[in-house]
Protein backbone atom coordinates (compact mmCIF):
# COMPACT_ATOMS: atom_id res chain seq x y z
CA MET A 1 -82.26 50.53 69.11
CA LEU A 2 -84.47 49.13 71.85
CA ALA A 3 -82.48 46.78 74.06
CA PRO A 4 -84.15 44.24 76.37
CA THR A 5 -84.52 46.25 79.57
CA GLY A 6 -85.29 45.23 83.11
CA GLY A 7 -85.66 41.49 82.41
CA HIS A 8 -89.02 40.21 83.65
CA ILE A 9 -90.10 43.74 84.59
CA LEU A 10 -90.39 44.77 80.94
CA GLN A 11 -89.70 42.31 78.13
CA VAL A 12 -89.35 44.64 75.17
CA GLU A 13 -88.94 41.77 72.73
CA THR A 14 -92.25 40.26 73.82
CA GLY A 15 -94.04 43.58 73.37
CA LEU A 16 -92.48 44.08 69.95
CA GLN A 17 -93.42 40.56 68.86
CA GLN A 18 -97.06 41.28 69.67
CA LEU A 19 -96.87 44.30 67.36
CA MET A 20 -95.00 42.48 64.58
CA GLY A 21 -91.80 44.38 65.42
CA ASP A 22 -93.34 47.85 64.98
CA ARG A 23 -90.96 49.90 67.15
CA GLU A 24 -92.75 53.24 66.71
CA LEU A 25 -96.12 51.81 67.71
CA TYR A 26 -94.58 50.04 70.71
CA LEU A 27 -93.08 53.30 71.96
CA GLN A 28 -96.42 55.08 71.52
CA ILE A 29 -98.13 52.38 73.57
CA LEU A 30 -95.41 52.61 76.25
CA ARG A 31 -96.06 56.38 76.49
CA ARG A 32 -99.79 55.76 76.84
CA PHE A 33 -99.17 53.17 79.57
CA ARG A 34 -96.92 55.69 81.37
CA GLN A 35 -99.70 58.29 81.23
CA ARG A 36 -102.64 56.09 82.19
CA TYR A 37 -101.49 53.40 84.59
CA PRO A 38 -98.80 54.64 87.06
CA ASP A 39 -101.37 55.04 89.86
CA SER A 40 -103.45 51.92 89.17
CA GLY A 41 -102.22 50.18 92.32
CA CYS A 42 -103.15 53.13 94.52
CA GLU A 43 -106.52 53.44 92.77
CA ALA A 44 -107.24 49.75 93.36
CA ARG A 45 -106.28 50.12 97.04
CA LYS A 46 -108.62 53.11 97.45
CA ALA A 47 -111.47 51.15 95.86
CA LEU A 48 -110.86 48.11 98.03
CA THR A 49 -110.56 50.04 101.29
CA GLY A 50 -113.60 52.08 100.26
CA GLY A 51 -115.75 48.97 99.90
CA GLU A 52 -115.83 48.90 96.09
CA PRO A 53 -114.33 45.50 95.18
CA GLY A 54 -116.00 45.49 91.75
CA HIS A 55 -114.35 48.77 90.82
CA ALA A 56 -110.99 47.53 92.08
CA GLN A 57 -111.37 44.36 90.02
CA ARG A 58 -112.00 46.42 86.86
CA ILE A 59 -108.90 48.55 87.54
CA VAL A 60 -106.73 45.45 88.00
CA HIS A 61 -108.27 43.74 84.95
CA THR A 62 -107.52 46.74 82.73
CA LEU A 63 -103.98 47.01 84.09
CA LYS A 64 -103.45 43.30 83.41
CA GLY A 65 -104.43 43.69 79.74
CA ALA A 66 -102.24 46.75 79.26
CA ALA A 67 -99.24 45.14 80.99
CA GLY A 68 -99.58 42.00 78.91
CA MET A 69 -99.55 44.02 75.71
CA ILE A 70 -96.25 45.80 76.44
CA GLY A 71 -94.48 42.70 77.77
CA ALA A 72 -94.57 43.71 81.45
CA GLN A 73 -94.64 40.14 82.73
CA GLN A 74 -94.21 40.82 86.44
CA VAL A 75 -97.12 43.29 86.65
CA TYR A 76 -99.23 41.06 84.37
CA LEU A 77 -98.77 37.97 86.56
CA LEU A 78 -99.38 39.84 89.83
CA ALA A 79 -102.52 41.48 88.41
CA SER A 80 -103.73 38.07 87.17
CA GLN A 81 -103.36 36.64 90.69
CA LEU A 82 -104.88 39.68 92.39
CA GLU A 83 -107.95 40.12 90.17
CA PRO A 84 -110.04 37.18 91.52
CA LEU A 85 -109.06 37.99 95.13
CA CYS A 86 -110.47 41.54 95.07
CA ALA A 87 -113.92 40.29 96.03
CA GLY A 88 -112.56 38.52 99.12
CA PRO A 89 -111.23 39.64 102.51
CA ALA A 90 -108.28 42.00 102.87
CA SER A 91 -106.13 39.15 104.13
CA GLY A 92 -106.33 37.66 100.65
CA TRP A 93 -105.40 40.71 98.59
CA SER A 94 -103.33 43.02 100.80
CA GLY A 95 -99.97 41.27 100.31
CA LEU A 96 -100.40 40.83 96.56
CA LEU A 97 -101.55 44.41 96.12
CA ALA A 98 -98.43 45.69 97.91
CA GLN A 99 -96.31 43.56 95.54
CA LEU A 100 -98.22 44.91 92.55
CA GLU A 101 -97.71 48.52 93.66
CA GLN A 102 -93.96 47.92 94.01
CA ALA A 103 -93.76 46.11 90.66
CA LEU A 104 -95.64 48.95 88.99
CA ARG A 105 -93.23 51.52 90.40
CA SER A 106 -90.30 49.48 89.07
CA LEU A 107 -92.01 49.14 85.68
CA ILE A 108 -92.61 52.89 85.36
CA THR A 109 -88.91 53.50 86.13
CA VAL A 110 -87.90 51.06 83.39
CA ILE A 111 -90.39 52.58 80.92
CA ASP A 112 -88.99 56.04 81.67
CA GLY A 113 -85.53 54.71 80.82
CA VAL A 114 -86.72 53.27 77.50
CA LEU A 115 -88.57 56.46 76.58
CA ASP A 116 -85.63 58.68 77.60
CA GLY A 117 -83.54 56.67 75.16
CA ASP A 118 -85.90 57.74 72.41
CA PRO A 119 -86.17 61.53 72.80
CA GLN A 120 -87.74 62.12 69.39
CA GLN A 121 -91.46 61.63 69.82
CA MET A 122 -91.68 60.20 66.31
CA LEU A 123 -94.36 62.61 65.18
CA ALA A 124 -93.04 62.35 61.65
CA ALA A 125 -93.31 58.58 61.75
CA GLN A 126 -96.85 58.80 63.12
CA ALA A 127 -97.85 61.28 60.42
CA HIS A 128 -96.34 59.05 57.74
CA ALA A 129 -98.18 55.99 59.06
CA ALA A 130 -101.48 57.87 59.17
CA ASP A 131 -100.91 59.18 55.65
CA THR A 132 -100.11 55.69 54.39
CA ALA A 133 -103.25 54.26 56.01
CA ALA A 134 -105.40 57.01 54.56
CA LYS A 135 -104.18 56.17 51.08
CA MET A 136 -104.99 52.48 51.37
CA PRO A 137 -108.47 51.46 50.21
CA GLU A 138 -107.79 48.08 51.79
CA THR A 139 -107.89 49.63 55.26
CA ARG A 140 -111.69 49.89 55.32
CA MET A 141 -111.99 46.29 54.16
CA LEU A 142 -109.52 45.21 56.82
CA LEU A 143 -111.56 46.96 59.53
CA GLN A 144 -114.76 45.31 58.29
CA HIS A 145 -113.05 41.91 58.24
CA LEU A 146 -111.81 42.44 61.80
CA ALA A 147 -115.30 43.50 62.95
CA ARG A 148 -116.78 40.34 61.41
CA LEU A 149 -114.25 38.11 63.19
CA LEU A 150 -114.91 39.83 66.52
CA ASP A 151 -118.66 39.54 66.00
CA GLU A 152 -118.25 35.78 65.44
CA GLY A 153 -115.96 35.44 68.46
CA ASP A 154 -113.23 34.12 66.16
CA GLY A 155 -109.75 34.00 67.72
CA ALA A 156 -108.30 34.84 64.28
CA ALA A 157 -109.16 38.46 65.16
CA ILE A 158 -106.09 38.48 67.43
CA ASP A 159 -103.90 37.41 64.49
CA VAL A 160 -105.31 40.23 62.35
CA LEU A 161 -104.65 42.77 65.10
CA GLU A 162 -101.04 41.61 65.43
CA GLN A 163 -100.27 41.21 61.72
CA SER A 164 -101.82 44.55 60.71
CA ALA A 165 -100.88 46.53 63.85
CA THR A 166 -99.26 49.45 62.03
CA VAL A 167 -102.12 50.06 59.60
CA LEU A 168 -104.83 49.57 62.21
CA ALA A 169 -103.15 51.85 64.77
CA ALA A 170 -102.71 54.56 62.13
CA SER A 171 -106.33 54.23 61.02
CA LEU A 172 -108.02 53.93 64.44
CA GLY A 173 -105.53 55.88 66.53
CA VAL A 174 -103.20 54.25 69.04
CA GLU A 175 -105.59 54.56 71.97
CA VAL A 176 -108.52 52.86 70.22
CA PHE A 177 -106.23 50.23 68.68
CA GLN A 178 -104.80 49.38 72.08
CA GLU A 179 -108.24 49.15 73.71
CA VAL A 180 -109.47 46.80 70.98
CA THR A 181 -106.31 44.67 71.22
CA GLU A 182 -106.37 44.49 75.02
CA ALA A 183 -110.01 43.36 74.99
CA ALA A 184 -109.32 40.78 72.27
CA HIS A 185 -106.36 39.35 74.18
CA GLN A 186 -108.70 38.92 77.18
CA PHE A 187 -111.12 37.14 74.78
CA ASP A 188 -113.66 39.89 75.48
CA PHE A 189 -114.62 40.07 71.81
CA GLU A 190 -117.87 41.88 72.55
CA ALA A 191 -116.07 44.82 74.17
CA ALA A 192 -113.44 44.82 71.41
CA LEU A 193 -116.17 44.96 68.74
CA ALA A 194 -118.04 47.77 70.53
CA THR A 195 -114.84 49.87 70.70
CA LEU A 196 -114.00 49.15 67.06
CA GLN A 197 -117.50 49.98 65.82
CA GLY A 198 -117.47 53.21 67.81
CA ALA A 199 -114.27 54.24 66.03
CA MET A 200 -115.61 53.22 62.62
CA ALA A 201 -118.92 55.06 62.99
């Protein structure tokens, strides 16, 4: 069982709520976060010191969306504060960036602890979910409905993503599902739709 770990560093219950309590999907998304984002703070620092504030802003923005999805409140809040400061002088972002790097290190440690407590990689569960999705004719209709909501900029798309997380993740793949969901939570419906349509093509 997943216990609340690390308090405000990683609120497991919050992450699970966003995925309608789907434990397997949450663990998959934690693994993906662990693979993709451990060096985001260093990457942002390199971009900023290298005179690429726009690139740094994109790194921080992406990290913010990913952190929000797993319930990593501390990293999410720091990234939210840092993002608009990237275009300004170093005096504005240096302190916050150092805090973000430290918070990210703490978060990765906590994630490692959660994942170590779940040694089985749940391949069987993933295969079962994919098999279930493949057998459901409603899945295609659900994807089309979601695409229509995103195209109209309708916030109900977020509800669909949360309520049908298991089926959508099995159908689209965890990576695509997470990208669509992160974009939708940032109200970037255009990017979410483009990702979804690419997966449906």
